[in-house]
Amino acid sequence: MTDTNPAFTDEALTAYLDGEADAALRAQIEGALQDDAALQGRLEALSLPEGAVSRAFDLGAIAAPSYPKGLGAEPAPKTSKIIWPAAIAASFVLGMAVMQALQPEPRQPGWVDVVASYQSLYVTETLEGMAQPEAVSREILAEAETLLGVSLEAALQIDGLEFKRVQRLALGDTPLYQMAYLDAEGRPFAFCLTPVSAESRGMATKTSWQLAQSSWVEDGVGFVLIGGEDEARVARLSEGLRGRL
């Protein structure tokens, strides 16, 4: 190494750094440091581990995570302005695809849930004052009996509910018959039935769309009575109706 300050050799400066210099040498070095920036640089270089002086200026040897971004980086290729937006877009699309893959498949609503969502739109005024001609009601009920093999005569009278109308709806291409009622407090109720492929099962009662509902499946036909918020009441009415169908 070529000394920038010949008054001190590397050995003398090393002894100073290691605390092995005598008092006179230490005083000389500290005095020179007051106005000799080059001497300070020599001391800093000598204080680095062996080989570290060259590595201190070799940015390629420094781990990327510990080095500030943008310093010493290789110049970006001229095409980077085109590549980067494409790379960002591709990363975004890939990220969205991964997120969707990790998420569970959304549950498709069953027909009872669809009925509940439709029934939640009903208010007292929807059915109040309605008087469907008996001939029309009988015609639709006969059609339902022919198609589904179920007589709905018993459903015209449900304890505490006033029958208002019956209509044919559809779930896609599948017919769904709805009988609509109001209770004494003006709460809308509905009894619905539709062909289903599920096996026969007993009654299940729950709340959906803030409406109590009881449903069951028998001989390829699904049934549901829905209305109000009292699950116990709906279950009781459903048990009674089921026994009379």
C-alpha atoms as a PDB file:
ATOM      1  CA  MET A   1       0.000   0.000   0.000  1.00  0.00           C
ATOM      2  CA  THR A   2       1.272   3.531  -0.817  1.00  0.00           C
ATOM      3  CA  ASP A   3       1.141   5.714   2.310  1.00  0.00           C
ATOM      4  CA  THR A   4      -0.745   8.965   1.850  1.00  0.00           C
ATOM      5  CA  ASN A   5       0.873  10.135   5.088  1.00  0.00           C
ATOM      6  CA  PRO A   6       4.460   8.770   5.282  1.00  0.00           C
ATOM      7  CA  ALA A   7       4.681   9.811   8.920  1.00  0.00           C
ATOM      8  CA  PHE A   8       2.718   6.710   9.873  1.00  0.00           C
ATOM      9  CA  THR A   9       3.205   3.200   8.534  1.00  0.00           C
ATOM     10  CA  ASP A  10       0.401   0.689   8.252  1.00  0.00           C
ATOM     11  CA  GLU A  11       1.982  -1.201  11.135  1.00  0.00           C
ATOM     12  CA  ALA A  12       1.857   1.902  13.324  1.00  0.00           C
ATOM     13  CA  LEU A  13      -1.751   2.609  12.441  1.00  0.00           C
ATOM     14  CA  THR A  14      -2.679  -1.039  13.042  1.00  0.00           C
ATOM     15  CA  ALA A  15      -1.034  -0.924  16.433  1.00  0.00           C
ATOM     16  CA  TYR A  16      -3.064   2.201  17.213  1.00  0.00           C
ATOM     17  CA  LEU A  17      -6.299   0.496  16.152  1.00  0.00           C
ATOM     18  CA  ASP A  18      -5.460  -2.588  18.202  1.00  0.00           C
ATOM     19  CA  GLY A  19      -4.661  -0.479  21.280  1.00  0.00           C
ATOM     20  CA  GLU A  20      -1.020  -1.588  21.227  1.00  0.00           C
ATOM     21  CA  ALA A  21       0.543   1.808  20.360  1.00  0.00           C
ATOM     22  CA  ASP A  22       2.489   3.557  23.085  1.00  0.00           C
ATOM     23  CA  ALA A  23       1.312   6.869  24.469  1.00  0.00           C
ATOM     24  CA  ALA A  24       3.582   8.966  22.242  1.00  0.00           C
ATOM     25  CA  LEU A  25       2.469   7.263  18.997  1.00  0.00           C
ATOM     26  CA  ARG A  26      -1.154   7.412  20.035  1.00  0.00           C
ATOM     27  CA  ALA A  27      -0.857  11.155  20.723  1.00  0.00           C
ATOM     28  CA  GLN A  28       0.800  11.747  17.327  1.00  0.00           C
ATOM     29  CA  ILE A  29      -1.896   9.878  15.425  1.00  0.00           C
ATOM     30  CA  GLU A  30      -4.755  11.547  17.263  1.00  0.00           C
ATOM     31  CA  GLY A  31      -3.202  14.924  16.686  1.00  0.00           C
ATOM     32  CA  ALA A  32      -2.794  14.254  12.966  1.00  0.00           C
ATOM     33  CA  LEU A  33      -6.420  13.124  12.672  1.00  0.00           C
ATOM     34  CA  GLN A  34      -7.556  16.649  13.504  1.00  0.00           C
ATOM     35  CA  ASP A  35      -6.609  17.967  10.043  1.00  0.00           C
ATOM     36  CA  ASP A  36      -5.780  14.896   7.931  1.00  0.00           C
ATOM     37  CA  ALA A  37      -8.881  13.385   6.267  1.00  0.00           C
ATOM     38  CA  ALA A  38      -6.735  10.956   4.299  1.00  0.00           C
ATOM     39  CA  LEU A  39      -5.358   9.524   7.544  1.00  0.00           C
ATOM     40  CA  GLN A  40      -8.912   8.954   8.773  1.00  0.00           C
ATOM     41  CA  GLY A  41      -9.640   7.061   5.551  1.00  0.00           C
ATOM     42  CA  ARG A  42      -6.539   4.867   6.042  1.00  0.00           C
ATOM     43  CA  LEU A  43      -7.679   4.030   9.561  1.00  0.00           C
ATOM     44  CA  GLU A  44     -11.161   3.091   8.373  1.00  0.00           C
ATOM     45  CA  ALA A  45      -9.721   0.893   5.626  1.00  0.00           C
ATOM     46  CA  LEU A  46      -7.371  -0.856   8.029  1.00  0.00           C
ATOM     47  CA  SER A  47     -10.197  -1.470  10.498  1.00  0.00           C
ATOM     48  CA  LEU A  48     -12.079  -3.640   7.977  1.00  0.00           C
ATOM     49  CA  PRO A  49     -11.507  -7.433   8.028  1.00  0.00           C
ATOM     50  CA  GLU A  50      -8.996  -8.839   5.585  1.00  0.00           C
ATOM     51  CA  GLY A  51     -10.311  -8.627   2.041  1.00  0.00           C
ATOM     52  CA  ALA A  52     -13.167  -6.384   3.087  1.00  0.00           C
ATOM     53  CA  VAL A  53     -11.594  -3.289   1.503  1.00  0.00           C
ATOM     54  CA  SER A  54     -12.068  -4.679  -1.964  1.00  0.00           C
ATOM     55  CA  ARG A  55     -15.510  -6.060  -1.107  1.00  0.00           C
ATOM     56  CA  ALA A  56     -16.610  -2.701   0.259  1.00  0.00           C
ATOM     57  CA  PHE A  57     -16.599  -1.389  -3.304  1.00  0.00           C
ATOM     58  CA  ASP A  58     -17.850  -4.580  -4.919  1.00  0.00           C
ATOM     59  CA  LEU A  59     -21.607  -4.131  -4.851  1.00  0.00           C
ATOM     60  CA  GLY A  60     -22.107  -7.527  -6.417  1.00  0.00           C
ATOM     61  CA  ALA A  61     -20.776  -9.155  -3.264  1.00  0.00           C
ATOM     62  CA  ILE A  62     -23.323  -7.426  -1.040  1.00  0.00           C
ATOM     63  CA  ALA A  63     -26.556  -9.358  -0.388  1.00  0.00           C
ATOM     64  CA  ALA A  64     -29.482  -7.652  -2.056  1.00  0.00           C
ATOM     65  CA  PRO A  65     -31.835  -7.574   0.959  1.00  0.00           C
ATOM     66  CA  SER A  66     -29.333  -5.552   3.050  1.00  0.00           C
ATOM     67  CA  TYR A  67     -28.471  -3.024   0.364  1.00  0.00           C
ATOM     68  CA  PRO A  68     -30.623   0.036  -0.424  1.00  0.00           C
ATOM     69  CA  LYS A  69     -32.561  -0.323  -3.635  1.00  0.00           C
ATOM     70  CA  GLY A  70     -31.301   1.686  -6.575  1.00  0.00           C
ATOM     71  CA  LEU A  71     -27.694   2.090  -5.389  1.00  0.00           C
ATOM     72  CA  GLY A  72     -25.093   0.381  -7.501  1.00  0.00           C
ATOM     73  CA  ALA A  73     -27.672  -1.531  -9.507  1.00  0.00           C
ATOM     74  CA  GLU A  74     -26.896  -2.355 -13.092  1.00  0.00           C
ATOM     75  CA  PRO A  75     -28.528  -0.012 -15.604  1.00  0.00           C
ATOM     76  CA  ALA A  76     -31.923  -1.320 -16.656  1.00  0.00           C
ATOM     77  CA  PRO A  77     -32.115  -2.472 -20.262  1.00  0.00           C
ATOM     78  CA  LYS A  78     -33.773  -0.083 -22.682  1.00  0.00           C
ATOM     79  CA  THR A  79     -36.747  -2.413 -23.019  1.00  0.00           C
ATOM     80  CA  SER A  80     -37.480  -2.266 -19.281  1.00  0.00           C
ATOM     81  CA  LYS A  81     -40.213   0.348 -19.746  1.00  0.00           C
ATOM     82  CA  ILE A  82     -42.137  -2.196 -21.768  1.00  0.00           C
ATOM     83  CA  ILE A  83     -41.242  -5.290 -19.776  1.00  0.00           C
ATOM     84  CA  TRP A  84     -42.086  -3.943 -16.335  1.00  0.00           C
ATOM     85  CA  PRO A  85     -45.776  -3.099 -16.950  1.00  0.00           C
ATOM     86  CA  ALA A  86     -46.259  -6.485 -18.565  1.00  0.00           C
ATOM     87  CA  ALA A  87     -44.528  -8.215 -15.665  1.00  0.00           C
ATOM     88  CA  ILE A  88     -46.630  -6.341 -13.128  1.00  0.00           C
ATOM     89  CA  ALA A  89     -49.821  -7.206 -14.983  1.00  0.00           C
ATOM     90  CA  ALA A  90     -48.799 -10.853 -15.232  1.00  0.00           C
ATOM     91  CA  SER A  91     -47.975 -10.945 -11.519  1.00  0.00           C
ATOM     92  CA  PHE A  92     -51.345  -9.426 -10.692  1.00  0.00           C
ATOM     93  CA  VAL A  93     -53.220 -11.947 -12.823  1.00  0.00           C
ATOM     94  CA  LEU A  94     -51.214 -14.811 -11.313  1.00  0.00           C
ATOM     95  CA  GLY A  95     -51.862 -13.512  -7.810  1.00  0.00           C
ATOM     96  CA  MET A  96     -55.585 -13.287  -8.433  1.00  0.00           C
ATOM     97  CA  ALA A  97     -55.621 -16.791  -9.859  1.00  0.00           C
ATOM     98  CA  VAL A  98     -53.818 -18.155  -6.804  1.00  0.00           C
ATOM     99  CA  MET A  99     -56.199 -16.347  -4.440  1.00  0.00           C
ATOM    100  CA  GLN A 100     -59.216 -17.718  -6.269  1.00  0.00           C
ATOM    101  CA  ALA A 101     -57.730 -21.216  -6.236  1.00  0.00           C
ATOM    102  CA  LEU A 102     -57.237 -21.031  -2.469  1.00  0.00           C
ATOM    103  CA  GLN A 103     -60.760 -19.830  -1.810  1.00  0.00           C
ATOM    104  CA  PRO A 104     -63.503 -22.434  -1.413  1.00  0.00           C
ATOM    105  CA  GLU A 105     -65.958 -22.761  -4.223  1.00  0.00           C
ATOM    106  CA  PRO A 106     -69.026 -20.619  -3.530  1.00  0.00           C
ATOM    107  CA  ARG A 107     -71.975 -22.709  -2.429  1.00  0.00           C
ATOM    108  CA  GLN A 108     -74.777 -22.685  -4.954  1.00  0.00           C
ATOM    109  CA  PRO A 109     -78.062 -21.814  -3.241  1.00  0.00           C
ATOM    110  CA  GLY A 110     -80.604 -24.623  -3.045  1.00  0.00           C
ATOM    111  CA  TRP A 111     -84.158 -24.166  -4.183  1.00  0.00           C
ATOM    112  CA  VAL A 112     -85.354 -23.536  -0.612  1.00  0.00           C
ATOM    113  CA  ASP A 113     -82.910 -20.643  -0.268  1.00  0.00           C
ATOM    114  CA  VAL A 114     -84.141 -19.224  -3.568  1.00  0.00           C
ATOM    115  CA  VAL A 115     -87.713 -19.403  -2.288  1.00  0.00           C
ATOM    116  CA  ALA A 116     -86.664 -17.703   0.954  1.00  0.00           C
ATOM    117  CA  SER A 117     -84.980 -14.846  -0.909  1.00  0.00           C
ATOM    118  CA  TYR A 118     -88.123 -14.345  -3.000  1.00  0.00           C
ATOM    119  CA  GLN A 119     -90.435 -14.555   0.004  1.00  0.00           C
ATOM    120  CA  SER A 120     -88.340 -11.959   1.862  1.00  0.00           C
ATOM    121  CA  LEU A 121     -89.619  -9.382  -0.655  1.00  0.00           C
ATOM    122  CA  TYR A 122     -93.230  -9.905   0.431  1.00  0.00           C
ATOM    123  CA  VAL A 123     -94.962  -7.419   2.726  1.00  0.00           C
ATOM    124  CA  THR A 124     -98.521  -7.297   4.030  1.00  0.00           C
ATOM    125  CA  GLU A 125     -99.611  -5.076   1.152  1.00  0.00           C
ATOM    126  CA  THR A 126     -98.403  -7.674  -1.365  1.00  0.00           C
ATOM    127  CA  LEU A 127    -101.304  -9.960  -0.447  1.00  0.00           C
ATOM    128  CA  GLU A 128    -103.726  -7.802   1.532  1.00  0.00           C
ATOM    129  CA  GLY A 129    -107.076  -7.392  -0.181  1.00  0.00           C
ATOM    130  CA  MET A 130    -106.206 -10.036  -2.771  1.00  0.00           C
ATOM    131  CA  ALA A 131    -109.037 -12.403  -3.668  1.00  0.00           C
ATOM    132  CA  GLN A 132    -108.059 -14.924  -6.340  1.00  0.00           C
ATOM    133  CA  PRO A 133    -111.102 -16.381  -8.071  1.00  0.00           C
ATOM    134  CA  GLU A 134    -111.750 -19.875  -6.775  1.00  0.00           C
ATOM    135  CA  ALA A 135    -111.938 -21.252 -10.305  1.00  0.00           C
ATOM    136  CA  VAL A 136    -108.419 -20.009 -11.018  1.00  0.00           C
ATOM    137  CA  SER A 137    -107.099 -21.489  -7.774  1.00  0.00           C
ATOM    138  CA  ARG A 138    -108.721 -24.844  -8.480  1.00  0.00           C
ATOM    139  CA  GLU A 139    -107.300 -24.951 -11.998  1.00  0.00           C
ATOM    140  CA  ILE A 140    -103.719 -24.376 -10.827  1.00  0.00           C
ATOM    141  CA  LEU A 141    -104.073 -26.820  -7.926  1.00  0.00           C
ATOM    142  CA  ALA A 142    -105.353 -29.504 -10.319  1.00  0.00           C
ATOM    143  CA  GLU A 143    -102.385 -28.855 -12.606  1.00  0.00           C
ATOM    144  CA  ALA A 144     -99.988 -29.286  -9.659  1.00  0.00           C
ATOM    145  CA  GLU A 145    -101.668 -32.537  -8.645  1.00  0.00           C
ATOM    146  CA  THR A 146    -101.408 -33.888 -12.194  1.00  0.00           C
ATOM    147  CA  LEU A 147     -97.761 -32.921 -12.545  1.00  0.00           C
ATOM    148  CA  LEU A 148     -96.493 -33.797  -9.072  1.00  0.00           C
ATOM    149  CA  GLY A 149     -99.010 -36.365  -7.878  1.00  0.00           C
ATOM    150  CA  VAL A 150     -99.828 -34.363  -4.735  1.00  0.00           C
ATOM    151  CA  SER A 151    -103.309 -33.159  -3.767  1.00  0.00           C
ATOM    152  CA  LEU A 152    -103.078 -29.677  -2.237  1.00  0.00           C
ATOM    153  CA  GLU A 153    -106.637 -29.505  -0.969  1.00  0.00           C
ATOM    154  CA  ALA A 154    -105.419 -29.645   2.634  1.00  0.00           C
ATOM    155  CA  ALA A 155    -103.096 -26.671   2.039  1.00  0.00           C
ATOM    156  CA  LEU A 156    -106.095 -24.382   1.443  1.00  0.00           C
ATOM    157  CA  GLN A 157    -106.676 -24.366   5.203  1.00  0.00           C
ATOM    158  CA  ILE A 158    -103.690 -24.025   7.533  1.00  0.00           C
ATOM    159  CA  ASP A 159    -104.310 -23.133  11.166  1.00  0.00           C
ATOM    160  CA  GLY A 160    -103.934 -19.373  11.688  1.00  0.00           C
ATOM    161  CA  LEU A 161    -103.202 -18.609   8.019  1.00  0.00           C
ATOM    162  CA  GLU A 162    -105.586 -17.108   5.464  1.00  0.00           C
ATOM    163  CA  PHE A 163    -105.156 -18.469   1.933  1.00  0.00           C
ATOM    164  CA  LYS A 164    -104.738 -15.716  -0.663  1.00  0.00           C
ATOM    165  CA  ARG A 165    -103.634 -17.247  -3.946  1.00  0.00           C
ATOM    166  CA  VAL A 166    -101.743 -20.014  -5.708  1.00  0.00           C
ATOM    167  CA  GLN A 167     -99.446 -19.467  -8.672  1.00  0.00           C
ATOM    168  CA  ARG A 168     -97.070 -21.418 -10.854  1.00  0.00           C
ATOM    169  CA  LEU A 169     -93.481 -20.167 -10.822  1.00  0.00           C
ATOM    170  CA  ALA A 170     -90.319 -21.811 -12.144  1.00  0.00           C
ATOM    171  CA  LEU A 171     -86.732 -22.510 -11.178  1.00  0.00           C
ATOM    172  CA  GLY A 172     -85.175 -22.478 -14.599  1.00  0.00           C
ATOM    173  CA  ASP A 173     -87.160 -25.109 -16.474  1.00  0.00           C
ATOM    174  CA  THR A 174     -88.489 -26.727 -13.288  1.00  0.00           C
ATOM    175  CA  PRO A 175     -92.019 -25.765 -12.194  1.00  0.00           C
ATOM    176  CA  LEU A 176     -92.541 -24.495  -8.651  1.00  0.00           C
ATOM    177  CA  TYR A 177     -96.005 -23.985  -7.154  1.00  0.00           C
ATOM    178  CA  GLN A 178     -96.493 -21.337  -4.487  1.00  0.00           C
ATOM    179  CA  MET A 179     -99.498 -20.971  -2.210  1.00  0.00           C
ATOM    180  CA  ALA A 180     -99.509 -17.590  -0.427  1.00  0.00           C
ATOM    181  CA  TYR A 181    -101.094 -16.667   2.941  1.00  0.00           C
ATOM    182  CA  LEU A 182    -101.309 -13.927   5.565  1.00  0.00           C
ATOM    183  CA  ASP A 183    -101.473 -14.610   9.282  1.00  0.00           C
ATOM    184  CA  ALA A 184    -103.591 -12.604  11.743  1.00  0.00           C
ATOM    185  CA  GLU A 185    -100.786 -10.045  12.185  1.00  0.00           C
ATOM    186  CA  GLY A 186    -100.423  -9.537   8.429  1.00  0.00           C
ATOM    187  CA  ARG A 187     -97.209 -11.544   8.082  1.00  0.00           C
ATOM    188  CA  PRO A 188     -96.817 -13.191   4.647  1.00  0.00           C
ATOM    189  CA  PHE A 189     -96.387 -16.973   4.521  1.00  0.00           C
ATOM    190  CA  ALA A 190     -95.881 -19.330   1.603  1.00  0.00           C
ATOM    191  CA  PHE A 191     -96.120 -23.054   0.999  1.00  0.00           C
ATOM    192  CA  CYS A 192     -94.129 -24.198  -2.028  1.00  0.00           C
ATOM    193  CA  LEU A 193     -93.419 -27.496  -3.755  1.00  0.00           C
ATOM    194  CA  THR A 194     -91.286 -28.506  -6.734  1.00  0.00           C
ATOM    195  CA  PRO A 195     -89.850 -31.685  -8.296  1.00  0.00           C
ATOM    196  CA  VAL A 196     -86.397 -32.557  -6.872  1.00  0.00           C
ATOM    197  CA  SER A 197     -83.848 -35.304  -7.474  1.00  0.00           C
ATOM    198  CA  ALA A 198     -82.896 -35.620  -3.794  1.00  0.00           C
ATOM    199  CA  GLU A 199     -83.813 -38.653  -1.730  1.00  0.00           C
ATOM    200  CA  SER A 200     -86.725 -38.476   0.670  1.00  0.00           C
ATOM    201  CA  ARG A 201     -85.860 -36.933   4.037  1.00  0.00           C
ATOM    202  CA  GLY A 202     -87.567 -35.747   7.157  1.00  0.00           C
ATOM    203  CA  MET A 203     -88.336 -32.204   8.146  1.00  0.00           C
ATOM    204  CA  ALA A 204     -85.568 -29.668   8.639  1.00  0.00           C
ATOM    205  CA  THR A 205     -86.268 -26.288  10.217  1.00  0.00           C
ATOM    206  CA  LYS A 206     -84.015 -23.235  10.073  1.00  0.00           C
ATOM    207  CA  THR A 207     -84.002 -19.479   9.450  1.00  0.00           C
ATOM    208  CA  SER A 208     -82.946 -18.045   6.112  1.00  0.00           C
ATOM    209  CA  TRP A 209     -83.299 -14.469   4.903  1.00  0.00           C
ATOM    210  CA  GLN A 210     -84.665 -13.719   8.392  1.00  0.00           C
ATOM    211  CA  LEU A 211     -87.597 -16.045   7.746  1.00  0.00           C
ATOM    212  CA  ALA A 212     -88.387 -19.289   9.550  1.00  0.00           C
ATOM    213  CA  GLN A 213     -88.769 -22.281   7.252  1.00  0.00           C
ATOM    214  CA  SER A 214     -89.455 -25.990   7.457  1.00  0.00           C
ATOM    215  CA  SER A 215     -88.716 -28.205   4.469  1.00  0.00           C
ATOM    216  CA  TRP A 216     -88.843 -31.884   3.608  1.00  0.00           C
ATOM    217  CA  VAL A 217     -88.595 -34.187   0.589  1.00  0.00           C
ATOM    218  CA  GLU A 218     -90.979 -37.019  -0.200  1.00  0.00           C
ATOM    219  CA  ASP A 219     -91.277 -39.200  -3.308  1.00  0.00           C
ATOM    220  CA  GLY A 220     -89.285 -36.835  -5.517  1.00  0.00           C
ATOM    221  CA  VAL A 221     -91.104 -33.695  -4.422  1.00  0.00           C
ATOM    222  CA  GLY A 222     -89.614 -30.965  -2.234  1.00  0.00           C
ATOM    223  CA  PHE A 223     -91.856 -29.013   0.153  1.00  0.00           C
ATOM    224  CA  VAL A 224     -91.291 -25.886   2.239  1.00  0.00           C
ATOM    225  CA  LEU A 225     -93.469 -23.738   4.492  1.00  0.00           C
ATOM    226  CA  ILE A 226     -91.906 -20.360   5.165  1.00  0.00           C
ATOM    227  CA  GLY A 227     -92.845 -17.138   6.949  1.00  0.00           C
ATOM    228  CA  GLY A 228     -92.377 -15.097  10.092  1.00  0.00           C
ATOM    229  CA  GLU A 229     -89.492 -15.535  12.492  1.00  0.00           C
ATOM    230  CA  ASP A 230     -90.872 -18.221  14.833  1.00  0.00           C
ATOM    231  CA  GLU A 231     -89.214 -21.505  13.883  1.00  0.00           C
ATOM    232  CA  ALA A 232     -91.245 -23.492  16.408  1.00  0.00           C
ATOM    233  CA  ARG A 233     -94.513 -22.204  14.954  1.00  0.00           C
ATOM    234  CA  VAL A 234     -93.484 -22.940  11.371  1.00  0.00           C
ATOM    235  CA  ALA A 235     -92.311 -26.436  12.348  1.00  0.00           C
ATOM    236  CA  ARG A 236     -95.640 -27.127  14.085  1.00  0.00           C
ATOM    237  CA  LEU A 237     -97.697 -25.913  11.130  1.00  0.00           C
ATOM    238  CA  SER A 238     -95.527 -27.921   8.710  1.00  0.00           C
ATOM    239  CA  GLU A 239     -95.926 -31.140  10.721  1.00  0.00           C
ATOM    240  CA  GLY A 240     -99.686 -30.693  10.720  1.00  0.00           C
ATOM    241  CA  LEU A 241     -99.834 -29.921   6.999  1.00  0.00           C
ATOM    242  CA  ARG A 242     -97.522 -32.782   6.069  1.00  0.00           C
ATOM    243  CA  GLY A 243     -99.756 -35.233   7.881  1.00  0.00           C
ATOM    244  CA  ARG A 244    -102.809 -34.094   5.877  1.00  0.00           C
ATOM    245  CA  LEU A 245    -101.314 -34.021   2.382  1.00  0.00           C
END
